[in-house]
Each structure stands twice: as C-alpha cells, then as structure tokens.
Amino acid sequence: MRGRIEKIFGTWKRWYGLRRMRWRGLAKAAVQVHVTAIAYHLKRTMNILAAQV
C-alpha cells in the first residue's frame, strides 16, 4: 500500500512541480495540492479510457 502512495507523491513532485509551493500559507498550499491531484487524476483517467478502446 505504501509503495503505491509514495509513487503518486513522487510523480506529483517530479512532473507537477510540487517540490516547492507556489504560494505562502497553508490554505493556498492546499489549493495547489488539490489542483495537482485533479490534474493527475484527469490524466490518469484519460490514459485508462484510451487503453480500453
């Protein structure tokens, strides 16, 4: 289980720029993490749907 979670966070850091936060403050950092999660899941969904066709 941990390996799957760590892989996702590694992808976020490597490909989506989460090595550093863009804004200061906990609320704004949370927004950045949520937007990154949405982008990751949209891309993953598109890849899964493309593989099924």
PDB file of N, CA and C in Angstrom:
ATOM      1  N   MET A   1       0.829  -1.192   0.000  1.00  0.00           N
ATOM      2  CA  MET A   1       0.000   0.000   0.000  1.00  0.00           C
ATOM      3  C   MET A   1       0.877   1.260   0.000  1.00  0.00           C
ATOM      4  N   ARG A   2       1.884   1.275   0.855  1.00  0.00           N
ATOM      5  CA  ARG A   2       2.723   2.469   0.965  1.00  0.00           C
ATOM      6  C   ARG A   2       3.451   2.754  -0.349  1.00  0.00           C
ATOM      7  N   GLY A   3       3.903   1.706  -1.025  1.00  0.00           N
ATOM      8  CA  GLY A   3       4.604   1.895  -2.288  1.00  0.00           C
ATOM      9  C   GLY A   3       3.752   2.581  -3.337  1.00  0.00           C
ATOM     10  N   ARG A   4       2.467   2.242  -3.362  1.00  0.00           N
ATOM     11  CA  ARG A   4       1.566   2.881  -4.330  1.00  0.00           C
ATOM     12  C   ARG A   4       1.377   4.356  -4.019  1.00  0.00           C
ATOM     13  N   ILE A   5       1.265   4.687  -2.736  1.00  0.00           N
ATOM     14  CA  ILE A   5       1.075   6.086  -2.341  1.00  0.00           C
ATOM     15  C   ILE A   5       2.333   6.896  -2.609  1.00  0.00           C
ATOM     16  N   GLU A   6       3.484   6.347  -2.248  1.00  0.00           N
ATOM     17  CA  GLU A   6       4.747   7.061  -2.446  1.00  0.00           C
ATOM     18  C   GLU A   6       5.016   7.307  -3.929  1.00  0.00           C
ATOM     19  N   LYS A   7       4.607   6.386  -4.777  1.00  0.00           N
ATOM     20  CA  LYS A   7       4.775   6.555  -6.221  1.00  0.00           C
ATOM     21  C   LYS A   7       3.976   7.749  -6.730  1.00  0.00           C
ATOM     22  N   ILE A   8       2.772   7.907  -6.215  1.00  0.00           N
ATOM     23  CA  ILE A   8       1.921   9.032  -6.628  1.00  0.00           C
ATOM     24  C   ILE A   8       2.550  10.353  -6.193  1.00  0.00           C
ATOM     25  N   PHE A   9       3.003  10.428  -4.935  1.00  0.00           N
ATOM     26  CA  PHE A   9       3.628  11.659  -4.467  1.00  0.00           C
ATOM     27  C   PHE A   9       4.908  11.963  -5.241  1.00  0.00           C
ATOM     28  N   GLY A  10       5.661  10.930  -5.594  1.00  0.00           N
ATOM     29  CA  GLY A  10       6.861  11.128  -6.398  1.00  0.00           C
ATOM     30  C   GLY A  10       6.536  11.686  -7.774  1.00  0.00           C
ATOM     31  N   THR A  11       5.453  11.193  -8.363  1.00  0.00           N
ATOM     32  CA  THR A  11       5.017  11.698  -9.662  1.00  0.00           C
ATOM     33  C   THR A  11       4.600  13.152  -9.549  1.00  0.00           C
ATOM     34  N   TRP A  12       3.869  13.466  -8.486  1.00  0.00           N
ATOM     35  CA  TRP A  12       3.451  14.858  -8.282  1.00  0.00           C
ATOM     36  C   TRP A  12       4.664  15.757  -8.152  1.00  0.00           C
ATOM     37  N   LYS A  13       5.668  15.329  -7.434  1.00  0.00           N
ATOM     38  CA  LYS A  13       6.859  16.155  -7.247  1.00  0.00           C
ATOM     39  C   LYS A  13       7.645  16.297  -8.549  1.00  0.00           C
ATOM     40  N   ARG A  14       7.778  15.195  -9.269  1.00  0.00           N
ATOM     41  CA  ARG A  14       8.598  15.195 -10.473  1.00  0.00           C
ATOM     42  C   ARG A  14       7.928  15.918 -11.639  1.00  0.00           C
ATOM     43  N   TRP A  15       6.668  15.615 -11.909  1.00  0.00           N
ATOM     44  CA  TRP A  15       6.020  16.098 -13.121  1.00  0.00           C
ATOM     45  C   TRP A  15       5.101  17.295 -12.915  1.00  0.00           C
ATOM     46  N   TYR A  16       4.656  17.512 -11.697  1.00  0.00           N
ATOM     47  CA  TYR A  16       3.691  18.585 -11.464  1.00  0.00           C
ATOM     48  C   TYR A  16       4.236  19.703 -10.591  1.00  0.00           C
ATOM     49  N   GLY A  17       5.514  19.696 -10.294  1.00  0.00           N
ATOM     50  CA  GLY A  17       6.148  20.818  -9.630  1.00  0.00           C
ATOM     51  C   GLY A  17       5.854  20.978  -8.153  1.00  0.00           C
ATOM     52  N   LEU A  18       5.622  19.888  -7.433  1.00  0.00           N
ATOM     53  CA  LEU A  18       5.332  20.026  -6.017  1.00  0.00           C
ATOM     54  C   LEU A  18       6.589  19.935  -5.143  1.00  0.00           C
ATOM     55  N   ARG A  19       7.736  20.172  -5.732  1.00  0.00           N
ATOM     56  CA  ARG A  19       8.945  20.249  -4.897  1.00  0.00           C
ATOM     57  C   ARG A  19       8.911  21.513  -4.054  1.00  0.00           C
ATOM     58  N   ARG A  20       8.303  22.542  -4.597  1.00  0.00           N
ATOM     59  CA  ARG A  20       8.148  23.802  -3.872  1.00  0.00           C
ATOM     60  C   ARG A  20       6.724  24.291  -4.043  1.00  0.00           C
ATOM     61  N   MET A  21       6.242  24.952  -3.027  1.00  0.00           N
ATOM     62  CA  MET A  21       4.899  25.528  -3.102  1.00  0.00           C
ATOM     63  C   MET A  21       4.961  26.882  -3.798  1.00  0.00           C
ATOM     64  N   ARG A  22       3.977  27.155  -4.588  1.00  0.00           N
ATOM     65  CA  ARG A  22       3.937  28.388  -5.348  1.00  0.00           C
ATOM     66  C   ARG A  22       3.545  29.574  -4.463  1.00  0.00           C
ATOM     67  N   TRP A  23       2.642  29.336  -3.508  1.00  0.00           N
ATOM     68  CA  TRP A  23       2.133  30.417  -2.669  1.00  0.00           C
ATOM     69  C   TRP A  23       2.469  30.160  -1.211  1.00  0.00           C
ATOM     70  N   ARG A  24       2.424  31.209  -0.411  1.00  0.00           N
ATOM     71  CA  ARG A  24       2.640  31.071   1.027  1.00  0.00           C
ATOM     72  C   ARG A  24       1.304  30.850   1.725  1.00  0.00           C
ATOM     73  N   GLY A  25       1.357  30.135   2.807  1.00  0.00           N
ATOM     74  CA  GLY A  25       0.161  29.910   3.599  1.00  0.00           C
ATOM     75  C   GLY A  25      -0.399  28.516   3.391  1.00  0.00           C
ATOM     76  N   LEU A  26      -0.939  27.983   4.459  1.00  0.00           N
ATOM     77  CA  LEU A  26      -1.459  26.621   4.427  1.00  0.00           C
ATOM     78  C   LEU A  26      -2.653  26.475   3.488  1.00  0.00           C
ATOM     79  N   ALA A  27      -3.549  27.438   3.490  1.00  0.00           N
ATOM     80  CA  ALA A  27      -4.740  27.355   2.639  1.00  0.00           C
ATOM     81  C   ALA A  27      -4.369  27.386   1.161  1.00  0.00           C
ATOM     82  N   LYS A  28      -3.447  28.262   0.790  1.00  0.00           N
ATOM     83  CA  LYS A  28      -3.046  28.356  -0.616  1.00  0.00           C
ATOM     84  C   LYS A  28      -2.231  27.138  -1.047  1.00  0.00           C
ATOM     85  N   ALA A  29      -1.423  26.597  -0.146  1.00  0.00           N
ATOM     86  CA  ALA A  29      -0.680  25.375  -0.455  1.00  0.00           C
ATOM     87  C   ALA A  29      -1.647  24.210  -0.652  1.00  0.00           C
ATOM     88  N   ALA A  30      -2.709  24.170   0.142  1.00  0.00           N
ATOM     89  CA  ALA A  30      -3.715  23.119  -0.011  1.00  0.00           C
ATOM     90  C   ALA A  30      -4.403  23.224  -1.366  1.00  0.00           C
ATOM     91  N   VAL A  31      -4.653  24.436  -1.813  1.00  0.00           N
ATOM     92  CA  VAL A  31      -5.258  24.628  -3.142  1.00  0.00           C
ATOM     93  C   VAL A  31      -4.336  24.079  -4.219  1.00  0.00           C
ATOM     94  N   GLN A  32      -3.045  24.342  -4.096  1.00  0.00           N
ATOM     95  CA  GLN A  32      -2.093  23.850  -5.092  1.00  0.00           C
ATOM     96  C   GLN A  32      -2.067  22.321  -5.101  1.00  0.00           C
ATOM     97  N   VAL A  33      -2.103  21.704  -3.946  1.00  0.00           N
ATOM     98  CA  VAL A  33      -2.104  20.241  -3.875  1.00  0.00           C
ATOM     99  C   VAL A  33      -3.384  19.674  -4.475  1.00  0.00           C
ATOM    100  N   HIS A  34      -4.520  20.302  -4.191  1.00  0.00           N
ATOM    101  CA  HIS A  34      -5.789  19.823  -4.746  1.00  0.00           C
ATOM    102  C   HIS A  34      -5.828  19.961  -6.271  1.00  0.00           C
ATOM    103  N   VAL A  35      -5.353  21.055  -6.791  1.00  0.00           N
ATOM    104  CA  VAL A  35      -5.328  21.252  -8.248  1.00  0.00           C
ATOM    105  C   VAL A  35      -4.404  20.227  -8.893  1.00  0.00           C
ATOM    106  N   THR A  36      -3.275  19.957  -8.263  1.00  0.00           N
ATOM    107  CA  THR A  36      -2.356  18.947  -8.772  1.00  0.00           C
ATOM    108  C   THR A  36      -3.013  17.572  -8.769  1.00  0.00           C
ATOM    109  N   ALA A  37      -3.731  17.251  -7.709  1.00  0.00           N
ATOM    110  CA  ALA A  37      -4.421  15.963  -7.628  1.00  0.00           C
ATOM    111  C   ALA A  37      -5.471  15.835  -8.733  1.00  0.00           C
ATOM    112  N   ILE A  38      -6.199  16.900  -8.985  1.00  0.00           N
ATOM    113  CA  ILE A  38      -7.205  16.882 -10.055  1.00  0.00           C
ATOM    114  C   ILE A  38      -6.540  16.655 -11.411  1.00  0.00           C
ATOM    115  N   ALA A  39      -5.448  17.362 -11.664  1.00  0.00           N
ATOM    116  CA  ALA A  39      -4.739  17.199 -12.940  1.00  0.00           C
ATOM    117  C   ALA A  39      -4.205  15.775 -13.089  1.00  0.00           C
ATOM    118  N   TYR A  40      -3.641  15.228 -12.029  1.00  0.00           N
ATOM    119  CA  TYR A  40      -3.104  13.865 -12.056  1.00  0.00           C
ATOM    120  C   TYR A  40      -4.217  12.856 -12.361  1.00  0.00           C
ATOM    121  N   HIS A  41      -5.347  13.000 -11.679  1.00  0.00           N
ATOM    122  CA  HIS A  41      -6.433  12.044 -11.867  1.00  0.00           C
ATOM    123  C   HIS A  41      -7.098  12.185 -13.237  1.00  0.00           C
ATOM    124  N   LEU A  42      -7.185  13.395 -13.762  1.00  0.00           N
ATOM    125  CA  LEU A  42      -7.721  13.566 -15.118  1.00  0.00           C
ATOM    126  C   LEU A  42      -6.822  12.895 -16.152  1.00  0.00           C
ATOM    127  N   LYS A  43      -5.534  13.094 -16.025  1.00  0.00           N
ATOM    128  CA  LYS A  43      -4.594  12.487 -16.962  1.00  0.00           C
ATOM    129  C   LYS A  43      -4.624  10.967 -16.838  1.00  0.00           C
ATOM    130  N   ARG A  44      -4.694  10.479 -15.615  1.00  0.00           N
ATOM    131  CA  ARG A  44      -4.745   9.033 -15.388  1.00  0.00           C
ATOM    132  C   ARG A  44      -6.029   8.439 -15.966  1.00  0.00           C
ATOM    133  N   THR A  45      -7.148   9.130 -15.782  1.00  0.00           N
ATOM    134  CA  THR A  45      -8.420   8.668 -16.320  1.00  0.00           C
ATOM    135  C   THR A  45      -8.381   8.603 -17.842  1.00  0.00           C
ATOM    136  N   MET A  46      -7.806   9.628 -18.451  1.00  0.00           N
ATOM    137  CA  MET A  46      -7.708   9.628 -19.914  1.00  0.00           C
ATOM    138  C   MET A  46      -6.855   8.465 -20.414  1.00  0.00           C
ATOM    139  N   ASN A  47      -5.770   8.171 -19.717  1.00  0.00           N
ATOM    140  CA  ASN A  47      -4.924   7.045 -20.102  1.00  0.00           C
ATOM    141  C   ASN A  47      -5.641   5.702 -19.945  1.00  0.00           C
ATOM    142  N   ILE A  48      -6.411   5.567 -18.892  1.00  0.00           N
ATOM    143  CA  ILE A  48      -7.159   4.322 -18.665  1.00  0.00           C
ATOM    144  C   ILE A  48      -8.240   4.157 -19.719  1.00  0.00           C
ATOM    145  N   LEU A  49      -8.960   5.240 -20.034  1.00  0.00           N
ATOM    146  CA  LEU A  49     -10.001   5.150 -21.057  1.00  0.00           C
ATOM    147  C   LEU A  49      -9.411   4.888 -22.438  1.00  0.00           C
ATOM    148  N   ALA A  50      -8.264   5.461 -22.735  1.00  0.00           N
ATOM    149  CA  ALA A  50      -7.630   5.225 -24.035  1.00  0.00           C
ATOM    150  C   ALA A  50      -7.158   3.774 -24.162  1.00  0.00           C
ATOM    151  N   ALA A  51      -6.748   3.167 -23.072  1.00  0.00           N
ATOM    152  CA  ALA A  51      -6.290   1.783 -23.100  1.00  0.00           C
ATOM    153  C   ALA A  51      -7.454   0.818 -23.291  1.00  0.00           C
ATOM    154  N   GLN A  52      -8.644   1.197 -22.880  1.00  0.00           N
ATOM    155  CA  GLN A  52      -9.798   0.326 -23.010  1.00  0.00           C
ATOM    156  C   GLN A  52     -10.352   0.290 -24.418  1.00  0.00           C
ATOM    157  N   VAL A  53     -10.072   1.291 -25.223  1.00  0.00           N
ATOM    158  CA  VAL A  53     -10.626   1.367 -26.580  1.00  0.00           C
ATOM    159  C   VAL A  53      -9.881   0.512 -27.525  1.00  0.00           C
TER     160      VAL A  53
END
